[in-house]
Protein backbone atom coordinates (compact mmCIF):
# COMPACT_ATOMS: atom_id res chain seq x y z
CA UNK A 1 -3.33 29.50 -12.17
CA UNK A 2 0.31 30.48 -10.97
CA UNK A 3 -0.84 29.24 -7.72
CA UNK A 4 -1.80 26.15 -8.71
CA UNK A 5 1.31 25.74 -11.25
CA UNK A 6 3.92 26.28 -8.33
CA UNK A 7 1.90 23.79 -6.40
CA UNK A 8 2.52 21.41 -8.29
CA UNK A 9 6.15 21.93 -9.34
CA UNK A 10 6.59 21.97 -5.56
CA UNK A 11 4.73 19.04 -4.68
CA UNK A 12 6.66 16.69 -6.97
CA UNK A 13 9.62 18.20 -5.93
CA UNK A 14 8.83 16.96 -2.22
CA UNK A 15 8.22 13.47 -3.81
CA UNK A 16 10.92 12.98 -5.60
CA UNK A 17 12.99 14.07 -2.39
CA UNK A 18 12.77 10.46 -0.87
CA UNK A 19 15.87 9.11 -1.60
CA UNK A 20 15.01 5.74 0.22
CA UNK A 21 12.35 5.22 -1.84
CA UNK A 22 12.98 1.88 -4.48
CA UNK A 23 9.76 1.39 -5.83
CA UNK A 24 6.27 2.97 -4.92
CA UNK A 25 2.85 2.55 -6.37
CA UNK A 26 -0.95 3.28 -5.33
CA UNK A 27 -4.04 1.75 -7.40
CA UNK A 28 -6.68 4.23 -6.84
CA UNK A 29 -8.93 2.61 -9.09
CA UNK A 30 -11.83 1.49 -7.01
CA UNK A 31 -15.43 2.38 -8.10
CA UNK A 32 -17.39 4.06 -5.53
CA UNK A 33 -14.66 3.61 -3.08
CA UNK A 34 -15.55 -0.18 -2.73
CA UNK A 35 -12.67 -2.57 -3.17
CA UNK A 36 -14.41 -5.84 -4.51
CA UNK A 37 -13.58 -9.04 -3.06
CA UNK A 38 -12.73 -10.69 -6.24
CA UNK A 39 -10.61 -7.32 -7.50
CA UNK A 40 -6.90 -8.34 -6.62
CA UNK A 41 -4.63 -5.93 -6.98
CA UNK A 42 -0.96 -6.29 -8.61
CA UNK A 43 2.41 -4.87 -8.52
CA UNK A 44 5.66 -5.19 -10.77
CA UNK A 45 8.88 -4.00 -9.85
CA UNK A 46 12.37 -4.35 -10.73
CA UNK A 47 15.44 -3.92 -8.41
CA UNK A 48 18.37 -3.26 -10.09
CA UNK A 49 21.09 -4.28 -7.28
CA UNK A 50 20.51 -6.19 -3.85
CA UNK A 51 18.82 -4.22 -1.52
CA UNK A 52 18.10 -4.27 2.06
CA UNK A 53 14.80 -2.96 2.24
CA UNK A 54 11.12 -2.79 3.90
CA UNK A 55 7.58 -3.88 1.94
CA UNK A 56 5.28 -2.02 3.08
CA UNK A 57 1.82 -2.38 2.45
CA UNK A 58 -0.26 1.23 1.66
CA UNK A 59 -4.22 1.41 2.24
CA UNK A 60 -6.03 4.79 1.86
CA UNK A 61 -9.26 4.71 3.44
CA UNK A 62 -12.18 7.22 4.50
CA UNK A 63 -11.66 8.38 8.24
CA UNK A 64 -13.57 6.43 10.84
CA UNK A 65 -13.33 3.59 9.20
CA UNK A 66 -16.31 0.85 10.60
CA UNK A 67 -14.04 -2.16 11.02
CA UNK A 68 -11.22 -2.70 13.54
CA UNK A 69 -9.42 -4.77 11.06
CA UNK A 70 -8.85 -5.89 7.13
CA UNK A 71 -8.30 -9.48 6.53
CA UNK A 72 -5.99 -9.45 3.39
CA UNK A 73 -3.35 -11.22 1.77
CA UNK A 74 -0.08 -10.20 0.13
CA UNK A 75 1.62 -12.92 -2.22
CA UNK A 76 5.33 -12.01 -3.09
CA UNK A 77 6.95 -13.41 -6.41
CA UNK A 78 10.55 -13.38 -6.16
CA UNK A 79 12.75 -13.27 -9.45
CA UNK A 80 13.94 -16.87 -8.77
CA UNK A 81 10.29 -18.09 -9.29
CA UNK A 82 9.92 -18.54 -5.41
CA UNK A 83 6.17 -17.43 -3.96
CA UNK A 84 5.56 -15.99 -0.42
CA UNK A 85 2.00 -15.75 0.82
CA UNK A 86 1.37 -13.50 3.82
CA UNK A 87 -1.81 -13.36 5.54
CA UNK A 88 -2.35 -9.67 7.06
CA UNK A 89 -4.64 -9.04 9.75
CA UNK A 90 -4.39 -5.50 9.20
CA UNK A 91 -5.19 -3.18 12.45
CA UNK A 92 -7.06 -0.30 11.06
CA UNK A 93 -8.13 0.81 14.55
CA UNK A 94 -6.49 0.88 17.96
CA UNK A 95 -7.76 -0.80 21.29
CA UNK A 96 -9.80 2.84 21.83
CA UNK A 97 -11.35 2.57 18.22
CA UNK A 98 -9.40 5.38 16.94
CA UNK A 99 -8.15 5.43 13.39
CA UNK A 100 -4.37 4.20 13.54
CA UNK A 101 -3.58 5.48 10.11
CA UNK A 102 -2.43 9.39 9.56
CA UNK A 103 -5.31 11.43 8.49
CA UNK A 104 -6.23 14.51 6.70
CA UNK A 105 -9.70 15.38 7.11
CA UNK A 106 -11.63 12.71 5.33
CA UNK A 107 -8.45 11.06 4.39
CA UNK A 108 -6.76 8.40 5.79
CA UNK A 109 -3.35 6.85 4.69
CA UNK A 110 -1.95 3.88 6.87
CA UNK A 111 1.33 2.17 6.53
CA UNK A 112 2.42 -1.28 7.30
CA UNK A 113 5.46 -2.80 6.92
CA UNK A 114 4.78 -6.68 5.91
CA UNK A 115 8.82 -7.53 5.25
CA UNK A 116 11.22 -5.64 7.47
CA UNK A 117 14.78 -5.22 6.28
CA UNK A 118 14.63 -8.36 4.17
CA UNK A 119 17.48 -8.69 1.52
CA UNK A 120 15.91 -7.94 -2.18
CA UNK A 121 17.97 -9.84 -4.81
CA UNK A 122 18.47 -8.08 -8.19
CA UNK A 123 15.25 -8.85 -10.61
CA UNK A 124 11.38 -8.85 -11.24
CA UNK A 125 9.32 -8.61 -8.34
CA UNK A 126 5.63 -9.03 -8.41
CA UNK A 127 3.42 -8.25 -5.37
CA UNK A 128 -0.50 -9.36 -5.67
CA UNK A 129 -2.80 -8.16 -2.62
CA UNK A 130 -5.97 -9.63 -1.62
CA UNK A 131 -8.76 -8.65 -0.21
CA UNK A 132 -9.79 -11.43 2.07
CA UNK A 133 -13.16 -9.67 3.79
CA UNK A 134 -16.18 -11.70 3.97
CA UNK A 135 -18.62 -10.15 1.76
CA UNK A 136 -18.82 -8.65 -1.86
CA UNK A 137 -16.67 -6.02 -1.13
CA UNK A 138 -14.96 -4.00 1.13
CA UNK A 139 -16.53 -0.27 1.69
CA UNK A 140 -14.60 3.10 1.88
CA UNK A 141 -11.41 2.07 0.84
CA UNK A 142 -9.74 4.76 -1.56
CA UNK A 143 -6.74 2.53 -2.75
CA UNK A 144 -4.33 0.28 -2.17
CA UNK A 145 -0.58 0.23 -3.10
CA UNK A 146 2.95 -1.25 -2.20
CA UNK A 147 5.91 0.41 -1.28
CA UNK A 148 9.81 -0.68 -1.30
CA UNK A 149 12.10 1.61 0.82
CA UNK A 150 16.08 1.34 2.15
């Protein structure tokens, strides 16, 4: 029991050490590791001061994913009401058919920079990620998330 408690304390200390992280959220609420085509994931956050940051898509999937890429769409609503729609063809495998993601066992985490060094003004933001896969659901997805880092 002491080992488990120590592990979690060290784990949370490690997570809190990323001083460059402005926002990070990961939604793993998917039934049977299936991301339904009608289940867009929404993330909301606020920026206290103007920041130059990267907006990063985080996809968790099962090792040896069956598709080479995934069609997605990211919609960003800025504090001034401006809406930006970004189509994404998320590459999951390289030319050799190997997973691009960082994998540990059967769990893989793929991070994709959607906006690089963009100036984000003070205010509230909304990011919606939509699965554009041509089917009822995208299989073997563990979760989807957004990170904003300096």
